[in-house]
């Protein structure tokens, strides 16, 4: 299960980074370009991906990781 969570977290971080960069008008070429809403969504997606990575990195309570 841990590898699946890690893959999902990496995808969330990468997608969030793209959305954020498009939202702040750094990465042009889509309907999201220049839309602050997508920068916010991207930031939230990156935070969710980081949180998921941290959760997947934790060892089992009372056991070795």
Foldseek 3Di string as FASTA:
>chain_A
DLVVLLVQLVVLLVVLVVQLCQCCQNDDDDPSRVNVVSNVVSVVSNVVSVVSNVVSPDDDPPDDD
